[in-house]
C-alpha atoms as a PDB file:
ATOM      1  CA  UNK A   1       0.000   0.000   0.000  1.00  0.00           C
ATOM      2  CA  UNK A   2       2.928   2.352   0.617  1.00  0.00           C
ATOM      3  CA  UNK A   3       4.077   2.109  -3.006  1.00  0.00           C
ATOM      4  CA  UNK A   4       0.552   2.864  -4.179  1.00  0.00           C
ATOM      5  CA  UNK A   5       0.339   5.936  -1.931  1.00  0.00           C
ATOM      6  CA  UNK A   6       3.730   7.177  -3.105  1.00  0.00           C
ATOM      7  CA  UNK A   7       2.717   6.743  -6.735  1.00  0.00           C
ATOM      8  CA  UNK A   8      -0.629   8.492  -6.274  1.00  0.00           C
ATOM      9  CA  UNK A   9       0.955  11.333  -4.272  1.00  0.00           C
ATOM     10  CA  UNK A  10       3.563  11.905  -6.962  1.00  0.00           C
ATOM     11  CA  UNK A  11       0.942  11.910  -9.700  1.00  0.00           C
ATOM     12  CA  UNK A  12      -1.120  14.442  -7.765  1.00  0.00           C
ATOM     13  CA  UNK A  13       1.994  16.575  -7.325  1.00  0.00           C
ATOM     14  CA  UNK A  14       2.664  16.400 -11.067  1.00  0.00           C
ATOM     15  CA  UNK A  15      -0.924  17.514 -11.755  1.00  0.00           C
ATOM     16  CA  UNK A  16      -0.545  20.391  -9.299  1.00  0.00           C
ATOM     17  CA  UNK A  17       2.667  21.547 -10.947  1.00  0.00           C
ATOM     18  CA  UNK A  18       1.064  21.369 -14.403  1.00  0.00           C
ATOM     19  CA  UNK A  19      -1.866  23.459 -13.141  1.00  0.00           C
ATOM     20  CA  UNK A  20       0.480  26.024 -11.641  1.00  0.00           C
ATOM     21  CA  UNK A  21      -0.750  25.400  -8.130  1.00  0.00           C
ATOM     22  CA  UNK A  22       1.271  28.268  -6.730  1.00  0.00           C
ATOM     23  CA  UNK A  23       3.178  25.912  -4.454  1.00  0.00           C
ATOM     24  CA  UNK A  24       6.918  25.584  -4.521  1.00  0.00           C
ATOM     25  CA  UNK A  25       8.057  22.917  -6.971  1.00  0.00           C
ATOM     26  CA  UNK A  26       9.381  19.671  -5.574  1.00  0.00           C
ATOM     27  CA  UNK A  27      13.082  19.416  -4.948  1.00  0.00           C
ATOM     28  CA  UNK A  28      14.655  17.513  -7.833  1.00  0.00           C
ATOM     29  CA  UNK A  29      16.420  15.176  -5.387  1.00  0.00           C
ATOM     30  CA  UNK A  30      13.059  14.308  -3.875  1.00  0.00           C
ATOM     31  CA  UNK A  31      11.618  13.229  -7.228  1.00  0.00           C
ATOM     32  CA  UNK A  32      14.481  10.802  -7.976  1.00  0.00           C
ATOM     33  CA  UNK A  33      13.870  10.659 -11.734  1.00  0.00           C
ATOM     34  CA  UNK A  34      10.359   9.338 -11.186  1.00  0.00           C
ATOM     35  CA  UNK A  35       7.854  10.557 -13.756  1.00  0.00           C
ATOM     36  CA  UNK A  36       4.546   8.906 -14.524  1.00  0.00           C
ATOM     37  CA  UNK A  37       3.597   9.161 -18.161  1.00  0.00           C
ATOM     38  CA  UNK A  38      -0.142   8.619 -17.741  1.00  0.00           C
ATOM     39  CA  UNK A  39      -1.128  10.355 -14.528  1.00  0.00           C
ATOM     40  CA  UNK A  40      -4.871  10.059 -15.045  1.00  0.00           C
ATOM     41  CA  UNK A  41      -4.599   6.294 -15.470  1.00  0.00           C
ATOM     42  CA  UNK A  42      -2.805   5.984 -12.122  1.00  0.00           C
ATOM     43  CA  UNK A  43      -5.540   7.983 -10.405  1.00  0.00           C
ATOM     44  CA  UNK A  44      -8.241   5.906 -12.113  1.00  0.00           C
ATOM     45  CA  UNK A  45      -6.604   2.688 -10.891  1.00  0.00           C
ATOM     46  CA  UNK A  46      -6.320   4.140  -7.378  1.00  0.00           C
ATOM     47  CA  UNK A  47     -10.031   5.025  -7.329  1.00  0.00           C
ATOM     48  CA  UNK A  48     -10.970   1.614  -8.710  1.00  0.00           C
ATOM     49  CA  UNK A  49      -8.904  -0.077  -5.996  1.00  0.00           C
ATOM     50  CA  UNK A  50     -10.704   1.962  -3.357  1.00  0.00           C
ATOM     51  CA  UNK A  51     -14.005   0.632  -4.723  1.00  0.00           C
ATOM     52  CA  UNK A  52     -12.637  -2.918  -4.885  1.00  0.00           C
ATOM     53  CA  UNK A  53     -11.488  -2.707  -1.268  1.00  0.00           C
ATOM     54  CA  UNK A  54     -15.152  -2.437  -0.238  1.00  0.00           C
ATOM     55  CA  UNK A  55     -15.906  -5.699  -2.055  1.00  0.00           C
ATOM     56  CA  UNK A  56     -12.783  -7.734  -1.366  1.00  0.00           C
ATOM     57  CA  UNK A  57      -9.795  -6.260   0.492  1.00  0.00           C
ATOM     58  CA  UNK A  58      -7.610  -9.290  -0.250  1.00  0.00           C
ATOM     59  CA  UNK A  59      -7.839  -8.626  -3.983  1.00  0.00           C
ATOM     60  CA  UNK A  60      -6.492  -5.139  -3.366  1.00  0.00           C
ATOM     61  CA  UNK A  61      -3.613  -6.579  -1.343  1.00  0.00           C
ATOM     62  CA  UNK A  62      -2.784  -8.882  -4.251  1.00  0.00           C
ATOM     63  CA  UNK A  63      -2.804  -5.967  -6.720  1.00  0.00           C
ATOM     64  CA  UNK A  64      -0.618  -3.896  -4.404  1.00  0.00           C
ATOM     65  CA  UNK A  65       1.876  -6.736  -4.074  1.00  0.00           C
ATOM     66  CA  UNK A  66       1.947  -7.697  -7.734  1.00  0.00           C
ATOM     67  CA  UNK A  67       1.501  -4.333  -9.478  1.00  0.00           C
ATOM     68  CA  UNK A  68       2.807  -1.686  -7.115  1.00  0.00           C
ATOM     69  CA  UNK A  69       5.498  -3.624  -5.246  1.00  0.00           C
ATOM     70  CA  UNK A  70       6.471  -5.825  -8.197  1.00  0.00           C
ATOM     71  CA  UNK A  71       6.302  -9.066  -6.216  1.00  0.00           C
ATOM     72  CA  UNK A  72       6.207 -12.406  -7.978  1.00  0.00           C
ATOM     73  CA  UNK A  73       3.304 -14.720  -7.193  1.00  0.00           C
ATOM     74  CA  UNK A  74       5.433 -16.654  -4.706  1.00  0.00           C
ATOM     75  CA  UNK A  75       6.661 -13.450  -3.015  1.00  0.00           C
ATOM     76  CA  UNK A  76       3.090 -12.138  -2.734  1.00  0.00           C
ATOM     77  CA  UNK A  77       1.951 -15.468  -1.293  1.00  0.00           C
ATOM     78  CA  UNK A  78       4.682 -15.386   1.321  1.00  0.00           C
ATOM     79  CA  UNK A  79       4.040 -11.737   2.214  1.00  0.00           C
ATOM     80  CA  UNK A  80       0.303 -12.323   2.617  1.00  0.00           C
ATOM     81  CA  UNK A  81       0.535 -15.758   4.251  1.00  0.00           C
ATOM     82  CA  UNK A  82      -1.556 -17.504   1.596  1.00  0.00           C
ATOM     83  CA  UNK A  83      -0.867 -20.136  -1.037  1.00  0.00           C
ATOM     84  CA  UNK A  84       0.620 -19.296  -4.396  1.00  0.00           C
ATOM     85  CA  UNK A  85      -2.426 -20.811  -6.095  1.00  0.00           C
ATOM     86  CA  UNK A  86      -4.688 -18.448  -4.120  1.00  0.00           C
ATOM     87  CA  UNK A  87      -2.554 -15.528  -5.300  1.00  0.00           C
ATOM     88  CA  UNK A  88      -2.918 -16.750  -8.896  1.00  0.00           C
ATOM     89  CA  UNK A  89      -6.709 -17.017  -8.628  1.00  0.00           C
ATOM     90  CA  UNK A  90      -7.072 -13.708  -6.814  1.00  0.00           C
ATOM     91  CA  UNK A  91      -4.729 -11.944  -9.241  1.00  0.00           C
ATOM     92  CA  UNK A  92      -6.781 -13.169 -12.209  1.00  0.00           C
ATOM     93  CA  UNK A  93     -10.007 -12.070 -10.500  1.00  0.00           C
ATOM     94  CA  UNK A  94      -8.611  -8.652  -9.596  1.00  0.00           C
ATOM     95  CA  UNK A  95      -7.292  -8.046 -13.110  1.00  0.00           C
ATOM     96  CA  UNK A  96     -10.642  -8.991 -14.643  1.00  0.00           C
ATOM     97  CA  UNK A  97     -12.536  -6.742 -12.219  1.00  0.00           C
ATOM     98  CA  UNK A  98     -10.182  -3.820 -12.862  1.00  0.00           C
ATOM     99  CA  UNK A  99     -10.374  -4.302 -16.611  1.00  0.00           C
ATOM    100  CA  UNK A 100     -14.166  -4.141 -16.449  1.00  0.00           C
ATOM    101  CA  UNK A 101     -14.161  -1.210 -13.998  1.00  0.00           C
ATOM    102  CA  UNK A 102     -11.659   0.799 -16.019  1.00  0.00           C
ATOM    103  CA  UNK A 103     -13.329  -0.004 -19.331  1.00  0.00           C
ATOM    104  CA  UNK A 104     -10.256  -1.578 -20.904  1.00  0.00           C
END
């Protein structure tokens, strides 16, 4: 979840800078060469995950592990204390739900 929050916060900061928010720009060392090409997509995924968390919080945990943290299926299984097969099933379910929710 921390990686997701960092990503969303950075995208929001990029939007604010583009809009000329009047705030001081971020220190270049703070950004660390991190630029998101499709900011709106990141925010859409974040909002969809918030909706999914109301239906099935475990699916969100799987997405956070696999997508945001870059864990393999076995790493996600170990981190969440579930079987690798459960991660596989939940990952497939979460991807299908997100695809439908995001209209992709």
